């Protein structure tokens, strides 16, 4: 890329007034931009014609696709709540059960 920029430096708009025109270029600046883009392509770089009106129009899909959101149905919400309750209950009951399993039966029966 650096070699291509060095080779095409004389074709690139360089003056401050020309750089300020890049957002809204006039015909002369567009022509310089097209010549610069062609030079970059000749040097082996994938470079679009930024000075043409066709390049200004976006093509293809947007850079970020919109996020698709879906609401839960009543059945899904109830099923999720029930599953969460069962998992939490099983984990909460498992810890005391494992501790009691390690005790002798007489010690487990006498503890409060």
Protein backbone atom coordinates (compact mmCIF):
# COMPACT_ATOMS: atom_id res chain seq x y z
CA UNK A 1 0.00 0.00 0.00
CA UNK A 2 2.82 2.41 0.84
CA UNK A 3 4.52 1.81 -2.50
CA UNK A 4 1.25 2.50 -4.31
CA UNK A 5 0.69 5.72 -2.34
CA UNK A 6 4.23 6.87 -3.13
CA UNK A 7 3.74 6.12 -6.83
CA UNK A 8 0.40 7.98 -6.94
CA UNK A 9 1.26 10.87 -4.60
CA UNK A 10 1.39 13.39 -7.47
CA UNK A 11 -2.18 12.51 -8.52
CA UNK A 12 -3.68 12.79 -5.02
CA UNK A 13 -5.47 16.04 -4.04
CA UNK A 14 -2.92 17.59 -1.68
CA UNK A 15 -3.74 21.22 -1.01
CA UNK A 16 -5.87 22.07 2.01
CA UNK A 17 -8.51 23.67 -0.21
CA UNK A 18 -8.76 20.46 -2.24
CA UNK A 19 -8.97 18.29 0.88
CA UNK A 20 -11.80 20.42 2.22
CA UNK A 21 -13.66 19.81 -1.06
CA UNK A 22 -13.54 16.02 -0.69
CA UNK A 23 -16.86 15.87 1.18
CA UNK A 24 -18.56 17.90 -1.58
CA UNK A 25 -16.14 17.83 -4.53
CA UNK A 26 -16.43 19.98 -7.62
CA UNK A 27 -15.81 18.59 -11.13
CA UNK A 28 -12.04 19.24 -11.07
CA UNK A 29 -11.57 17.56 -7.69
CA UNK A 30 -13.72 14.60 -8.83
CA UNK A 31 -11.50 14.22 -11.88
CA UNK A 32 -8.36 14.20 -9.70
CA UNK A 33 -9.94 11.63 -7.40
CA UNK A 34 -10.78 9.34 -10.34
CA UNK A 35 -7.23 9.65 -11.72
CA UNK A 36 -5.81 8.87 -8.27
CA UNK A 37 -8.09 5.82 -7.90
CA UNK A 38 -7.05 4.54 -11.35
CA UNK A 39 -3.38 4.98 -10.42
CA UNK A 40 -3.92 3.00 -7.20
CA UNK A 41 -5.60 0.21 -9.19
CA UNK A 42 -2.72 0.23 -11.67
CA UNK A 43 -0.39 -0.26 -8.69
CA UNK A 44 -2.35 -3.37 -7.66
CA UNK A 45 -4.61 -1.91 -4.96
CA UNK A 46 -8.37 -2.50 -4.77
CA UNK A 47 -9.55 1.08 -4.96
CA UNK A 48 -12.99 2.45 -5.93
CA UNK A 49 -13.64 5.55 -8.03
CA UNK A 50 -14.49 7.82 -5.11
CA UNK A 51 -14.99 10.86 -7.30
CA UNK A 52 -17.89 9.45 -9.31
CA UNK A 53 -21.52 9.83 -8.38
CA UNK A 54 -21.98 6.04 -8.57
CA UNK A 55 -19.39 5.58 -5.82
CA UNK A 56 -21.26 7.97 -3.56
CA UNK A 57 -24.42 5.85 -3.64
CA UNK A 58 -24.22 2.99 -1.14
CA UNK A 59 -24.47 -0.48 -2.62
CA UNK A 60 -25.02 -3.84 -0.98
CA UNK A 61 -26.29 -4.58 2.49
CA UNK A 62 -25.86 -2.05 5.32
CA UNK A 63 -22.68 -2.28 7.38
CA UNK A 64 -24.64 -3.50 10.38
CA UNK A 65 -27.76 -5.57 10.01
CA UNK A 66 -30.68 -4.57 12.21
CA UNK A 67 -31.16 -6.66 15.33
CA UNK A 68 -34.24 -8.80 15.14
CA UNK A 69 -36.09 -8.83 18.46
CA UNK A 70 -38.77 -11.32 19.40
CA UNK A 71 -41.12 -11.23 22.36
CA UNK A 72 -41.78 -14.32 24.42
CA UNK A 73 -45.14 -15.95 24.29
CA UNK A 74 -47.02 -16.71 27.51
CA UNK A 75 -46.22 -20.42 27.21
CA UNK A 76 -42.49 -19.74 26.78
CA UNK A 77 -42.44 -17.38 29.76
CA UNK A 78 -44.26 -19.84 32.04
CA UNK A 79 -42.06 -22.73 30.86
CA UNK A 80 -38.90 -20.72 31.50
CA UNK A 81 -40.06 -19.68 34.96
CA UNK A 82 -40.97 -23.26 35.88
CA UNK A 83 -37.64 -24.62 34.62
CA UNK A 84 -35.71 -21.94 36.54
CA UNK A 85 -37.64 -22.71 39.72
CA UNK A 86 -36.95 -26.44 39.43
CA UNK A 87 -33.21 -25.93 38.82
CA UNK A 88 -32.82 -23.47 41.70
CA UNK A 89 -34.85 -25.72 44.03
CA UNK A 90 -32.82 -28.79 43.12
CA UNK A 91 -29.52 -26.98 43.70
CA UNK A 92 -30.74 -25.49 47.00
CA UNK A 93 -31.84 -28.91 48.26
CA UNK A 94 -28.75 -30.74 47.05
CA UNK A 95 -26.27 -28.99 49.36
CA UNK A 96 -28.01 -29.85 52.67
CA UNK A 97 -28.70 -33.39 51.43
CA UNK A 98 -25.02 -33.97 50.64
CA UNK A 99 -24.00 -32.65 54.08
CA UNK A 100 -26.53 -34.91 55.80
CA UNK A 101 -25.34 -37.90 53.79
CA UNK A 102 -21.86 -37.53 55.27
CA UNK A 103 -23.14 -37.72 58.85
CA UNK A 104 -23.79 -40.85 60.80
CA UNK A 105 -27.55 -41.63 61.06
CA UNK A 106 -27.66 -41.05 64.84
CA UNK A 107 -25.82 -37.73 64.54
CA UNK A 108 -28.07 -36.57 61.67
CA UNK A 109 -31.23 -37.44 63.65
CA UNK A 110 -30.06 -35.59 66.77
CA UNK A 111 -28.94 -32.38 65.05
CA UNK A 112 -31.44 -29.46 65.02
